[in-house]
């Protein structure tokens, strides 16, 4: 089948990502109790004298059947290989699920290229430990994937790998600042800083803050309720960093106050499920981010899980989403990040059900697949739009028919106007509401077309239940203003895409960026990330970005 250059690159990257994960699995001897299983797997194939069928007849079976507990022995495979594949761990998680548009196209990678890649890859040593902040030795550890990410994009898309030291500092600062704004108990900031930051190197110098059991319980409860997002997630450095810091602090408090605690594997899974979200414009970058999270979990999977009858890895499709974080358009219709002031209880109930369904999917317990959940996301958003349309239509009706001098209650806003100016006031309000109704109706009519990422659809539970994320963190892409273009290549003209960026900024903050106020066309891309990040936060949220030195 025909394949364009970009698709070919993504297909090969998907193969590389999956093979890298196999390297970490065999490091734990979870494949045939052999830490060189993949190399032996290919050598055994070579002995069969087959030609360019390794990807289709051997590797695809390992990826999509054996690691998903769907394998049935093949007559052409040696008994040792059949036995090994029958006992392969049940990973799931999405990485080894056939992906439409790639695995469904019948594409293969020739034997020669696979052999060359395997020789290169396994000439390096694998370690299943994340490198420490002070580790200078470069190995194939999970963090190394971030460096791979930086090299792959070659900075063309503005992605910059953030070293772990900076990631760790930003995560700890964000969590301390958020707790200071959101704790109900009067806990002194110095105690939070001592809990989250080390005092030098020596253990005898460490302070962990002074807390009562009641205060420790509130800190834990608050941390477990967090919703954290990196809108330019890249290789997932900040999500992994947050997972590690949250896990460290939760473990520290639970041990200190003898609170019940799940094992580290389950604790990390809970943190990802409850708190971590990301968006990335490149699909292969989403895969690398997911791989980082899976690896960070896998290194702590208990040994007995290798024979688990249920899937070991969570499904991350609804945690790390593909899309343009800044521009959400269908045709000429823009979709800003919208707050929903008055959501009906019936809709809130559906949002809660959707949230629970996503959680079940994460834990591989959902009775429906990801496509059905995406349909439900759309249906909930459609209902939210329809509810707002009806409320505004009621307000227009009231304005047109009620007495002119009485108090008017419009969409949650109480207005009093003297009798003599009420007619002009009503006309102005009616025109404003009718324009908003048309806008909502157009949005509703558009969402079933080629839908991009729309924050209020993909993360409906965040905006309905929490009014936005608690923490937005990251290292936004650095693209100079003259190089800014549509990363999805839907809008061909650079100027048109920059106009869309300005339009989204005005829609996000209509008062701050009114039509009369000019937005500097020379703004670099990261400035638009700042504007969008502030709009994604809830009222008590914290925003932490690395900032350009030419701000």
Protein backbone atom coordinates (compact mmCIF):
# COMPACT_ATOMS: atom_id res chain seq x y z
CA UNK A 1 0.00 0.00 0.00
CA UNK A 2 1.16 3.53 -0.70
CA UNK A 3 2.59 5.47 2.20
CA UNK A 4 3.69 9.11 2.39
CA UNK A 5 6.95 10.18 4.02
CA UNK A 6 5.43 11.43 7.28
CA UNK A 7 3.33 8.29 7.74
CA UNK A 8 6.37 6.13 6.97
CA UNK A 9 8.37 7.96 9.62
CA UNK A 10 5.61 7.58 12.19
CA UNK A 11 5.21 3.88 11.38
CA UNK A 12 8.94 3.26 11.84
CA UNK A 13 8.91 5.30 15.07
CA UNK A 14 6.04 3.18 16.37
CA UNK A 15 8.10 0.05 15.65
CA UNK A 16 11.11 1.62 17.42
CA UNK A 17 9.07 2.64 20.49
CA UNK A 18 7.56 -0.84 20.82
CA UNK A 19 10.97 -2.49 20.38
CA UNK A 20 12.53 -0.20 22.99
CA UNK A 21 9.82 -1.26 25.42
CA UNK A 22 10.63 -4.91 24.67
CA UNK A 23 14.21 -4.12 25.67
CA UNK A 24 13.04 -3.06 29.13
CA UNK A 25 10.72 -6.10 29.43
CA UNK A 26 13.51 -8.53 28.63
CA UNK A 27 15.82 -6.68 31.03
CA UNK A 28 13.53 -8.04 33.77
CA UNK A 29 13.63 -11.46 32.08
CA UNK A 30 9.87 -11.41 31.57
CA UNK A 31 10.16 -12.92 28.08
CA UNK A 32 11.13 -16.59 28.21
CA UNK A 33 13.26 -15.77 31.29
CA UNK A 34 15.80 -14.43 28.79
CA UNK A 35 17.41 -10.98 28.93
CA UNK A 36 18.30 -11.29 25.22
CA UNK A 37 14.96 -12.63 24.03
CA UNK A 38 14.47 -10.17 21.14
CA UNK A 39 17.92 -10.89 19.70
CA UNK A 40 17.35 -14.66 19.97
CA UNK A 41 13.84 -14.21 18.50
CA UNK A 42 15.32 -12.61 15.37
CA UNK A 43 18.21 -15.11 15.15
CA UNK A 44 15.72 -18.00 15.26
CA UNK A 45 13.75 -16.37 12.44
CA UNK A 46 16.95 -16.03 10.37
CA UNK A 47 17.54 -19.77 10.65
CA UNK A 48 14.17 -20.38 8.95
CA UNK A 49 15.59 -18.87 5.72
CA UNK A 50 12.40 -16.81 5.25
CA UNK A 51 12.72 -13.52 3.39
CA UNK A 52 11.27 -10.21 4.64
CA UNK A 53 8.49 -11.84 6.65
CA UNK A 54 9.86 -11.19 10.15
CA UNK A 55 7.73 -8.11 10.76
CA UNK A 56 4.49 -9.64 9.48
CA UNK A 57 4.78 -13.27 10.60
CA UNK A 58 6.85 -13.01 13.78
CA UNK A 59 7.04 -9.53 15.28
CA UNK A 60 3.38 -8.59 14.70
CA UNK A 61 2.34 -11.79 16.46
CA UNK A 62 4.52 -10.89 19.46
CA UNK A 63 3.19 -7.30 19.54
CA UNK A 64 -0.53 -7.79 18.96
CA UNK A 65 -1.21 -11.32 20.15
CA UNK A 66 1.33 -12.55 22.70
CA UNK A 67 1.50 -9.32 24.72
CA UNK A 68 -2.32 -9.10 24.68
CA UNK A 69 -2.95 -12.73 25.73
CA UNK A 70 -4.47 -13.55 22.33
CA UNK A 71 -1.74 -15.80 20.98
CA UNK A 72 -2.43 -19.14 19.36
CA UNK A 73 0.62 -21.27 18.42
CA UNK A 74 1.74 -21.29 14.78
CA UNK A 75 2.96 -24.38 12.97
CA UNK A 76 5.84 -22.52 11.34
CA UNK A 77 7.19 -21.32 14.72
CA UNK A 78 9.60 -23.54 16.68
CA UNK A 79 8.17 -25.08 19.87
CA UNK A 80 10.41 -22.95 22.10
CA UNK A 81 9.07 -19.74 20.49
CA UNK A 82 5.45 -20.90 20.71
CA UNK A 83 5.92 -21.76 24.39
CA UNK A 84 7.60 -18.41 25.12
CA UNK A 85 4.83 -16.43 23.42
CA UNK A 86 2.14 -18.34 25.31
CA UNK A 87 3.77 -17.25 28.58
CA UNK A 88 4.44 -13.63 27.55
CA UNK A 89 3.18 -11.04 30.08
CA UNK A 90 -0.24 -9.50 29.44
CA UNK A 91 0.80 -5.87 28.96
CA UNK A 92 -2.04 -4.21 27.01
CA UNK A 93 -2.02 -0.47 27.80
CA UNK A 94 -2.49 0.55 24.18
CA UNK A 95 1.15 0.37 23.07
CA UNK A 96 0.66 -3.13 21.68
CA UNK A 97 -2.84 -2.52 20.39
CA UNK A 98 -3.19 -2.35 16.59
CA UNK A 99 -3.46 1.30 15.59
CA UNK A 100 -5.76 2.34 12.77
CA UNK A 101 -3.98 4.09 9.94
CA UNK A 102 -0.71 2.31 10.75
CA UNK A 103 -0.96 -1.36 11.72
CA UNK A 104 -4.12 -1.81 9.67
CA UNK A 105 -2.45 -0.85 6.37
CA UNK A 106 -0.41 -4.00 5.72
CA UNK A 107 2.93 -2.15 5.86
CA UNK A 108 6.10 -4.00 6.85
CA UNK A 109 9.72 -3.14 7.62
CA UNK A 110 12.31 -5.20 5.68
CA UNK A 111 14.50 -7.70 7.55
CA UNK A 112 17.71 -5.83 6.75
CA UNK A 113 16.52 -2.60 8.38
CA UNK A 114 15.17 -4.45 11.43
CA UNK A 115 18.46 -6.30 11.89
CA UNK A 116 20.43 -3.07 11.63
CA UNK A 117 18.19 -1.37 14.22
CA UNK A 118 18.32 -4.30 16.64
CA UNK A 119 22.13 -4.43 16.41
CA UNK A 120 22.31 -0.70 17.13
CA UNK A 121 19.73 -0.71 19.93
CA UNK A 122 21.06 -3.69 21.85
CA UNK A 123 24.65 -2.53 21.60
CA UNK A 124 23.59 -0.21 24.44
CA UNK A 125 22.93 -1.35 27.99
CA UNK A 126 19.40 -1.06 29.32
CA UNK A 127 18.63 -0.11 32.91
CA UNK A 128 15.15 -0.11 34.39
CA UNK A 129 15.95 2.70 36.81
CA UNK A 130 15.16 6.35 36.08
CA UNK A 131 18.45 8.24 36.28
CA UNK A 132 18.98 10.29 39.41
CA UNK A 133 19.40 14.05 39.27
CA UNK A 134 23.15 13.59 39.75
CA UNK A 135 23.62 10.66 37.34
CA UNK A 136 26.07 11.66 34.61
CA UNK A 137 26.26 8.30 32.82
CA UNK A 138 24.09 8.07 29.71
CA UNK A 139 22.24 4.77 29.48
CA UNK A 140 19.05 3.52 27.88
CA UNK A 141 16.88 4.32 30.89
CA UNK A 142 13.32 5.66 30.74
CA UNK A 143 14.52 9.27 30.98
CA UNK A 144 16.69 8.78 27.90
CA UNK A 145 13.51 8.77 25.84
CA UNK A 146 13.23 12.51 26.47
CA UNK A 147 16.59 13.02 24.84
CA UNK A 148 15.47 10.84 21.91
CA UNK A 149 12.40 13.07 21.59
CA UNK A 150 14.53 16.21 21.40
CA UNK A 151 16.74 14.69 18.70
CA UNK A 152 13.78 13.43 16.67
CA UNK A 153 12.07 16.79 16.39
CA UNK A 154 15.48 18.40 15.91
CA UNK A 155 13.98 21.53 17.49
CA UNK A 156 12.07 22.16 14.24
CA UNK A 157 8.81 22.22 16.18
CA UNK A 158 10.29 24.20 19.06
CA UNK A 159 10.53 21.25 21.44
CA UNK A 160 13.34 21.48 23.96
CA UNK A 161 14.27 18.66 26.31
CA UNK A 162 14.10 19.83 29.93
CA UNK A 163 16.75 18.32 32.24
CA UNK A 164 15.44 16.46 35.26
CA UNK A 165 16.87 18.98 37.75
CA UNK A 166 14.69 21.78 36.37
CA UNK A 167 11.66 19.50 36.08
CA UNK A 168 12.00 18.40 39.70
CA UNK A 169 12.37 21.97 40.98
CA UNK A 170 9.34 23.21 39.02
CA UNK A 171 7.15 20.30 40.16
CA UNK A 172 8.00 20.83 43.84
CA UNK A 173 7.55 24.60 43.68
CA UNK A 174 4.18 24.22 41.91
CA UNK A 175 2.88 21.76 44.51
CA UNK A 176 4.00 23.90 47.46
CA UNK A 177 2.47 27.06 45.97
CA UNK A 178 -0.78 25.24 45.15
CA UNK A 179 -1.09 23.85 48.67
CA UNK A 180 -0.45 27.31 50.13
CA UNK A 181 -3.43 28.62 48.12
CA UNK A 182 -5.78 25.69 48.70
CA UNK A 183 -5.28 24.23 52.20
CA UNK A 184 -8.05 25.08 54.66
CA UNK A 185 -5.88 24.46 57.74
CA UNK A 186 -3.33 27.19 58.67
CA UNK A 187 -0.13 25.30 57.82
CA UNK A 188 3.02 27.45 57.81
CA UNK A 189 4.72 27.61 54.37
CA UNK A 190 8.10 26.68 55.94
CA UNK A 191 6.68 23.27 56.88
CA UNK A 192 5.56 22.65 53.29
CA UNK A 193 8.96 23.67 51.92
CA UNK A 194 10.68 21.32 54.39
CA UNK A 195 8.35 18.49 53.34
CA UNK A 196 9.00 18.95 49.62
CA UNK A 197 12.67 19.99 49.51
CA UNK A 198 15.82 18.33 50.83
CA UNK A 199 18.31 20.16 53.05
CA UNK A 200 21.53 19.34 51.25
CA UNK A 201 22.74 15.75 50.95
CA UNK A 202 23.28 14.33 54.46
CA UNK A 203 20.29 12.53 56.01
CA UNK A 204 21.05 14.04 59.42
CA UNK A 205 20.35 17.51 57.98
CA UNK A 206 16.88 16.65 56.68
CA UNK A 207 13.71 18.29 57.95
CA UNK A 208 10.29 17.02 56.91
CA UNK A 209 8.10 19.80 58.31
CA UNK A 210 5.93 19.80 61.41
CA UNK A 211 2.40 18.48 60.90
CA UNK A 212 -0.38 17.06 63.04
CA UNK A 213 -2.10 13.88 61.77
CA UNK A 214 -5.10 16.05 60.82
CA UNK A 215 -2.87 18.36 58.75
CA UNK A 216 -1.13 15.40 57.09
CA UNK A 217 -4.53 13.93 56.14
CA UNK A 218 -5.59 17.20 54.53
CA UNK A 219 -2.35 17.48 52.56
CA UNK A 220 -2.81 13.92 51.28
CA UNK A 221 -6.45 14.54 50.38
CA UNK A 222 -5.56 17.72 48.50
CA UNK A 223 -2.71 16.07 46.60
CA UNK A 224 -4.95 13.16 45.62
CA UNK A 225 -7.54 15.59 44.20
CA UNK A 226 -5.12 17.41 41.90
CA UNK A 227 -5.61 17.80 38.15
CA UNK A 228 -2.29 18.67 36.47
CA UNK A 229 -1.76 19.30 32.75
CA UNK A 230 1.17 19.97 30.46
CA UNK A 231 -0.33 21.49 27.25
CA UNK A 232 2.89 20.87 25.29
CA UNK A 233 3.74 17.58 26.93
CA UNK A 234 6.50 16.40 24.58
CA UNK A 235 8.18 13.30 25.95
CA UNK A 236 6.30 13.56 29.25
CA UNK A 237 9.12 14.85 31.47
CA UNK A 238 6.79 16.98 33.61
CA UNK A 239 4.12 14.29 33.97
CA UNK A 240 6.75 11.76 35.07
CA UNK A 241 8.33 14.39 37.33
CA UNK A 242 4.99 15.12 38.99
CA UNK A 243 4.28 11.42 39.41
CA UNK A 244 7.61 10.90 41.15
CA UNK A 245 7.28 13.89 43.50
CA UNK A 246 3.66 13.09 44.40
CA UNK A 247 4.58 9.46 45.02
CA UNK A 248 7.54 10.46 47.23
CA UNK A 249 5.48 12.90 49.35
CA UNK A 250 2.49 10.58 49.71
CA UNK A 251 4.75 7.70 50.74
CA UNK A 252 6.60 9.93 53.21
CA UNK A 253 3.38 11.12 54.90
CA UNK A 254 1.77 7.67 54.97
CA UNK A 255 4.82 6.04 56.54
CA UNK A 256 5.32 8.84 59.05
CA UNK A 257 1.71 8.83 60.29
CA UNK A 258 1.09 5.09 59.74
CA UNK A 259 -1.70 5.70 57.23
CA UNK A 260 -2.70 2.73 55.01
CA UNK A 261 -0.70 2.71 51.77
CA UNK A 262 -0.95 0.76 48.49
CA UNK A 263 2.28 -0.60 46.99
CA UNK A 264 4.33 1.73 44.82
CA UNK A 265 3.00 0.29 41.54
CA UNK A 266 -0.64 0.84 42.50
CA UNK A 267 0.16 4.22 44.05
CA UNK A 268 1.78 5.46 40.82
CA UNK A 269 -1.15 4.13 38.78
CA UNK A 270 -3.56 6.07 41.02
CA UNK A 271 -1.53 9.27 40.57
CA UNK A 272 -1.63 8.94 36.77
CA UNK A 273 -5.33 8.08 36.82
CA UNK A 274 -6.44 10.84 39.18
CA UNK A 275 -4.06 13.70 38.43
CA UNK A 276 -2.03 13.68 35.21
CA UNK A 277 -3.04 15.01 31.78
CA UNK A 278 -1.16 16.12 28.69
CA UNK A 279 -1.65 17.31 25.12
CA UNK A 280 0.85 16.98 22.28
CA UNK A 281 0.42 17.91 18.64
CA UNK A 282 2.53 15.10 17.12
CA UNK A 283 1.06 11.61 17.36
CA UNK A 284 4.44 9.91 17.67
CA UNK A 285 5.31 12.29 20.52
CA UNK A 286 2.11 11.16 22.28
CA UNK A 287 3.39 7.58 21.92
CA UNK A 288 6.77 8.50 23.43
CA UNK A 289 5.06 10.29 26.33
CA UNK A 290 2.84 7.28 26.96
CA UNK A 291 5.89 5.02 26.76
CA UNK A 292 7.63 7.10 29.44
CA UNK A 293 4.66 6.75 31.76
CA UNK A 294 4.34 3.01 31.08
CA UNK A 295 8.05 2.46 31.72
CA UNK A 296 7.95 4.48 34.93
CA UNK A 297 5.19 2.14 36.07
CA UNK A 298 6.69 -1.04 34.69
CA UNK A 299 9.95 -0.65 36.64
CA UNK A 300 7.90 -0.96 39.86
CA UNK A 301 5.57 -3.77 38.77
CA UNK A 302 5.80 -6.63 41.30
CA UNK A 303 7.56 -9.72 39.98
CA UNK A 304 4.44 -11.88 40.35
CA UNK A 305 2.60 -9.67 37.84
CA UNK A 306 4.48 -11.26 34.95
CA UNK A 307 1.87 -14.05 35.05
CA UNK A 308 -1.11 -11.77 35.71
CA UNK A 309 -4.32 -12.88 33.90
CA UNK A 310 -5.37 -9.22 33.70
CA UNK A 311 -3.62 -6.42 31.84
CA UNK A 312 -0.62 -4.99 33.70
CA UNK A 313 -0.40 -1.54 32.11
CA UNK A 314 -3.17 1.06 32.17
CA UNK A 315 -4.65 2.49 28.98
CA UNK A 316 -3.52 6.11 28.55
CA UNK A 317 -5.62 7.18 25.53
CA UNK A 318 -7.64 9.64 27.62
CA UNK A 319 -4.70 10.90 29.69
CA UNK A 320 -2.38 12.08 26.90
CA UNK A 321 -4.34 13.47 23.96
CA UNK A 322 -3.23 14.41 20.46
CA UNK A 323 -4.04 17.89 19.20
CA UNK A 324 -3.14 21.54 18.84
CA UNK A 325 -3.34 23.05 22.32
CA UNK A 326 -3.69 26.59 20.97
CA UNK A 327 -6.03 26.59 17.97
CA UNK A 328 -9.31 24.69 17.96
CA UNK A 329 -11.21 25.28 14.73
CA UNK A 330 -13.62 23.37 12.51
CA UNK A 331 -13.85 25.21 9.21
CA UNK A 332 -14.26 28.85 10.19
CA UNK A 333 -15.72 28.05 13.60
CA UNK A 334 -13.44 28.55 16.62
CA UNK A 335 -13.85 26.72 19.93
CA UNK A 336 -12.42 28.74 22.84
CA UNK A 337 -11.87 27.27 26.29
CA UNK A 338 -15.30 28.03 27.72
CA UNK A 339 -16.46 28.10 31.30
CA UNK A 340 -19.94 26.76 31.96
CA UNK A 341 -21.45 28.84 34.76
CA UNK A 342 -24.74 27.02 35.25
CA UNK A 343 -24.61 23.34 34.35
CA UNK A 344 -27.80 21.38 35.02
CA UNK A 345 -27.57 18.57 37.56
CA UNK A 346 -28.59 16.03 34.92
CA UNK A 347 -25.59 17.03 32.80
CA UNK A 348 -23.25 17.03 35.81
CA UNK A 349 -24.39 13.48 36.48
CA UNK A 350 -23.50 12.46 32.90
CA UNK A 351 -20.09 14.12 33.23
CA UNK A 352 -19.48 12.11 36.41
CA UNK A 353 -20.52 8.94 34.59
CA UNK A 354 -18.14 9.84 31.75
CA UNK A 355 -15.33 10.42 34.24
CA UNK A 356 -16.00 7.00 35.82
CA UNK A 357 -16.07 5.39 32.38
CA UNK A 358 -12.67 6.89 31.54
CA UNK A 359 -11.34 5.59 34.84
CA UNK A 360 -12.62 2.10 34.03
CA UNK A 361 -10.97 2.34 30.61
CA UNK A 362 -7.70 3.41 32.25
CA UNK A 363 -7.79 0.28 34.41
CA UNK A 364 -8.81 -1.90 31.41
CA UNK A 365 -12.18 -2.62 33.00
CA UNK A 366 -14.51 -0.73 30.63
CA UNK A 367 -17.18 -2.69 28.80
CA UNK A 368 -16.87 -0.39 25.76
CA UNK A 369 -13.93 0.70 23.59
CA UNK A 370 -12.28 4.10 23.21
CA UNK A 371 -14.35 5.04 20.14
CA UNK A 372 -17.57 4.67 22.11
CA UNK A 373 -16.17 6.81 24.94
CA UNK A 374 -15.23 9.52 22.42
CA UNK A 375 -18.83 9.45 21.15
CA UNK A 376 -20.04 9.96 24.70
CA UNK A 377 -17.62 12.88 25.13
CA UNK A 378 -19.20 14.52 22.08
CA UNK A 379 -22.73 13.79 23.30
CA UNK A 380 -22.07 15.38 26.70
CA UNK A 381 -20.57 18.50 25.09
CA UNK A 382 -23.50 18.71 22.68
CA UNK A 383 -25.89 18.58 25.63
CA UNK A 384 -23.95 21.32 27.42
CA UNK A 385 -24.20 23.55 24.34
CA UNK A 386 -27.92 22.80 23.94
CA UNK A 387 -28.54 23.60 27.60
CA UNK A 388 -26.82 26.98 27.20
CA UNK A 389 -28.81 27.69 24.02
CA UNK A 390 -32.10 26.99 25.83
CA UNK A 391 -31.12 29.20 28.81
CA UNK A 392 -30.26 32.11 26.52
CA UNK A 393 -33.45 31.62 24.49
CA UNK A 394 -35.45 31.83 27.72
CA UNK A 395 -33.62 35.03 28.65
CA UNK A 396 -34.46 36.56 25.26
CA UNK A 397 -38.11 35.60 25.70
CA UNK A 398 -38.21 37.24 29.14
CA UNK A 399 -36.65 40.43 27.78
CA UNK A 400 -39.12 40.63 24.95
CA UNK A 401 -42.21 40.02 27.03
CA UNK A 402 -41.81 41.14 30.64
CA UNK A 403 -42.42 44.57 32.19
CA UNK A 404 -39.66 47.02 31.48
CA UNK A 405 -38.89 48.37 34.93
CA UNK A 406 -38.50 45.19 36.92
CA UNK A 407 -35.29 43.36 37.78
CA UNK A 408 -34.04 41.08 34.98
CA UNK A 409 -32.08 37.90 35.76
CA UNK A 410 -30.01 36.86 32.75
CA UNK A 411 -27.87 33.74 32.65
CA UNK A 412 -26.91 34.14 36.30
CA UNK A 413 -26.41 37.95 36.15
CA UNK A 414 -28.86 40.28 37.86
CA UNK A 415 -29.43 43.60 36.06
CA UNK A 416 -31.48 46.60 37.26
CA UNK A 417 -32.18 49.45 34.86
CA UNK A 418 -34.35 52.53 35.31
CA UNK A 419 -37.56 52.58 33.30
CA UNK A 420 -36.59 55.36 30.87
CA UNK A 421 -33.48 53.52 29.53
CA UNK A 422 -34.90 50.00 29.65
CA UNK A 423 -35.90 49.80 25.97
CA UNK A 424 -32.37 50.57 24.76
CA UNK A 425 -30.95 48.22 27.39
CA UNK A 426 -33.29 45.42 26.29
CA UNK A 427 -32.44 45.84 22.61
CA UNK A 428 -28.75 45.70 23.36
CA UNK A 429 -29.08 42.64 25.57
CA UNK A 430 -31.37 40.84 23.12
CA UNK A 431 -28.90 41.41 20.26
CA UNK A 432 -26.01 40.18 22.43
CA UNK A 433 -27.87 37.04 23.52
CA UNK A 434 -29.10 36.24 20.02
CA UNK A 435 -25.52 36.51 18.71
CA UNK A 436 -24.38 34.13 21.46
CA UNK A 437 -27.19 31.70 20.54
CA UNK A 438 -26.11 31.70 16.87
CA UNK A 439 -22.50 31.12 17.95
CA UNK A 440 -23.48 28.13 20.14
CA UNK A 441 -25.70 26.68 17.40
CA UNK A 442 -22.83 26.91 14.91
CA UNK A 443 -20.50 25.18 17.37
CA UNK A 444 -23.05 22.44 17.93
CA UNK A 445 -23.48 21.93 14.16
CA UNK A 446 -19.68 21.77 13.62
CA UNK A 447 -18.49 19.26 16.20
CA UNK A 448 -19.33 16.15 14.16
CA UNK A 449 -17.09 17.21 11.27
CA UNK A 450 -13.33 16.58 11.33
CA UNK A 451 -13.10 17.37 15.01
CA UNK A 452 -9.79 18.65 16.37
CA UNK A 453 -8.90 18.49 20.04
CA UNK A 454 -11.39 20.71 21.88
CA UNK A 455 -10.50 21.24 25.52
CA UNK A 456 -14.10 21.32 26.76
CA UNK A 457 -14.85 17.99 25.06
CA UNK A 458 -11.69 16.00 25.79
CA UNK A 459 -11.49 17.25 29.38
CA UNK A 460 -15.17 17.88 30.15
CA UNK A 461 -14.86 16.46 33.66
CA UNK A 462 -12.11 18.96 34.50
CA UNK A 463 -14.02 22.04 33.36
CA UNK A 464 -17.42 20.98 34.71
CA UNK A 465 -16.27 19.67 38.09
CA UNK A 466 -13.23 21.86 38.80
CA UNK A 467 -13.62 24.89 36.46
CA UNK A 468 -10.20 24.09 35.02
CA UNK A 469 -6.91 22.47 35.96
CA UNK A 470 -5.22 22.98 39.32
CA UNK A 471 -1.71 23.18 37.87
CA UNK A 472 -0.50 23.93 34.35
CA UNK A 473 3.18 23.16 34.02
CA UNK A 474 5.70 22.72 31.23
CA UNK A 475 8.36 24.03 28.91
CA UNK A 476 6.38 25.56 26.02
CA UNK A 477 7.65 25.21 22.45
CA UNK A 478 10.10 27.93 21.40
CA UNK A 479 9.26 28.97 17.84
CA UNK A 480 10.17 32.44 16.64
CA UNK A 481 7.32 34.52 15.24
CA UNK A 482 8.54 34.30 11.63
CA UNK A 483 8.62 30.47 11.83
CA UNK A 484 5.15 29.96 13.35
CA UNK A 485 2.94 27.70 11.22
CA UNK A 486 0.13 25.21 11.73
CA UNK A 487 1.76 22.09 13.26
CA UNK A 488 -1.07 19.95 11.87
CA UNK A 489 -0.65 21.49 8.40
CA UNK A 490 -4.39 22.08 8.05
CA UNK A 491 -3.91 25.84 7.62
CA UNK A 492 -1.32 26.25 4.87
CA UNK A 493 -0.78 30.01 5.13
CA UNK A 494 1.45 31.08 8.06
CA UNK A 495 -0.24 34.47 8.40
CA UNK A 496 -3.67 32.85 8.56
CA UNK A 497 -2.51 30.53 11.36
CA UNK A 498 -1.07 33.47 13.31
CA UNK A 499 -4.41 35.26 12.84
CA UNK A 500 -6.08 32.17 14.36
CA UNK A 501 -3.72 32.32 17.34
CA UNK A 502 -4.69 35.96 17.92
CA UNK A 503 -8.38 35.11 17.55
CA UNK A 504 -8.10 32.35 20.18
CA UNK A 505 -6.36 34.79 22.57
CA UNK A 506 -9.23 37.27 22.12
CA UNK A 507 -11.83 34.55 22.68
CA UNK A 508 -10.02 33.28 25.79
CA UNK A 509 -9.73 36.78 27.29
CA UNK A 510 -12.23 39.07 25.52
CA UNK A 511 -11.85 41.90 28.04
CA UNK A 512 -8.05 41.91 28.06
CA UNK A 513 -7.78 41.49 24.25
CA UNK A 514 -10.70 43.46 22.90
CA UNK A 515 -11.14 44.02 19.15
CA UNK A 516 -9.71 47.53 19.58
CA UNK A 517 -6.55 46.28 21.26
CA UNK A 518 -3.80 45.24 18.88
CA UNK A 519 -1.94 41.98 19.53
CA UNK A 520 1.71 42.17 18.49
CA UNK A 521 2.17 40.01 15.40
CA UNK A 522 5.81 39.57 16.41
CA UNK A 523 4.90 37.48 19.46
CA UNK A 524 6.76 34.16 19.61
CA UNK A 525 4.75 30.96 19.97
CA UNK A 526 5.37 30.47 23.68
CA UNK A 527 3.51 33.72 24.49
CA UNK A 528 0.32 32.14 23.14
CA UNK A 529 0.99 29.14 25.36
CA UNK A 530 1.11 31.50 28.34
CA UNK A 531 -2.29 32.97 27.43
CA UNK A 532 -3.88 29.57 26.85
CA UNK A 533 -2.36 28.12 30.04
CA UNK A 534 -3.90 30.90 32.15
CA UNK A 535 -7.30 30.18 30.57
CA UNK A 536 -6.99 26.46 31.34
CA UNK A 537 -6.50 27.12 35.08
CA UNK A 538 -9.24 27.19 37.66
CA UNK A 539 -9.49 30.28 39.93
CA UNK A 540 -7.10 28.86 42.54
CA UNK A 541 -4.71 27.24 40.09
CA UNK A 542 -0.94 27.57 39.68
CA UNK A 543 0.85 28.22 36.38
CA UNK A 544 4.54 27.21 36.06
CA UNK A 545 6.40 27.56 32.77
CA UNK A 546 10.03 27.96 31.81
CA UNK A 547 10.32 31.50 30.50
CA UNK A 548 12.44 32.87 27.67
CA UNK A 549 15.31 35.12 28.76
CA UNK A 550 14.13 37.64 26.17
CA UNK A 551 10.66 38.00 27.74
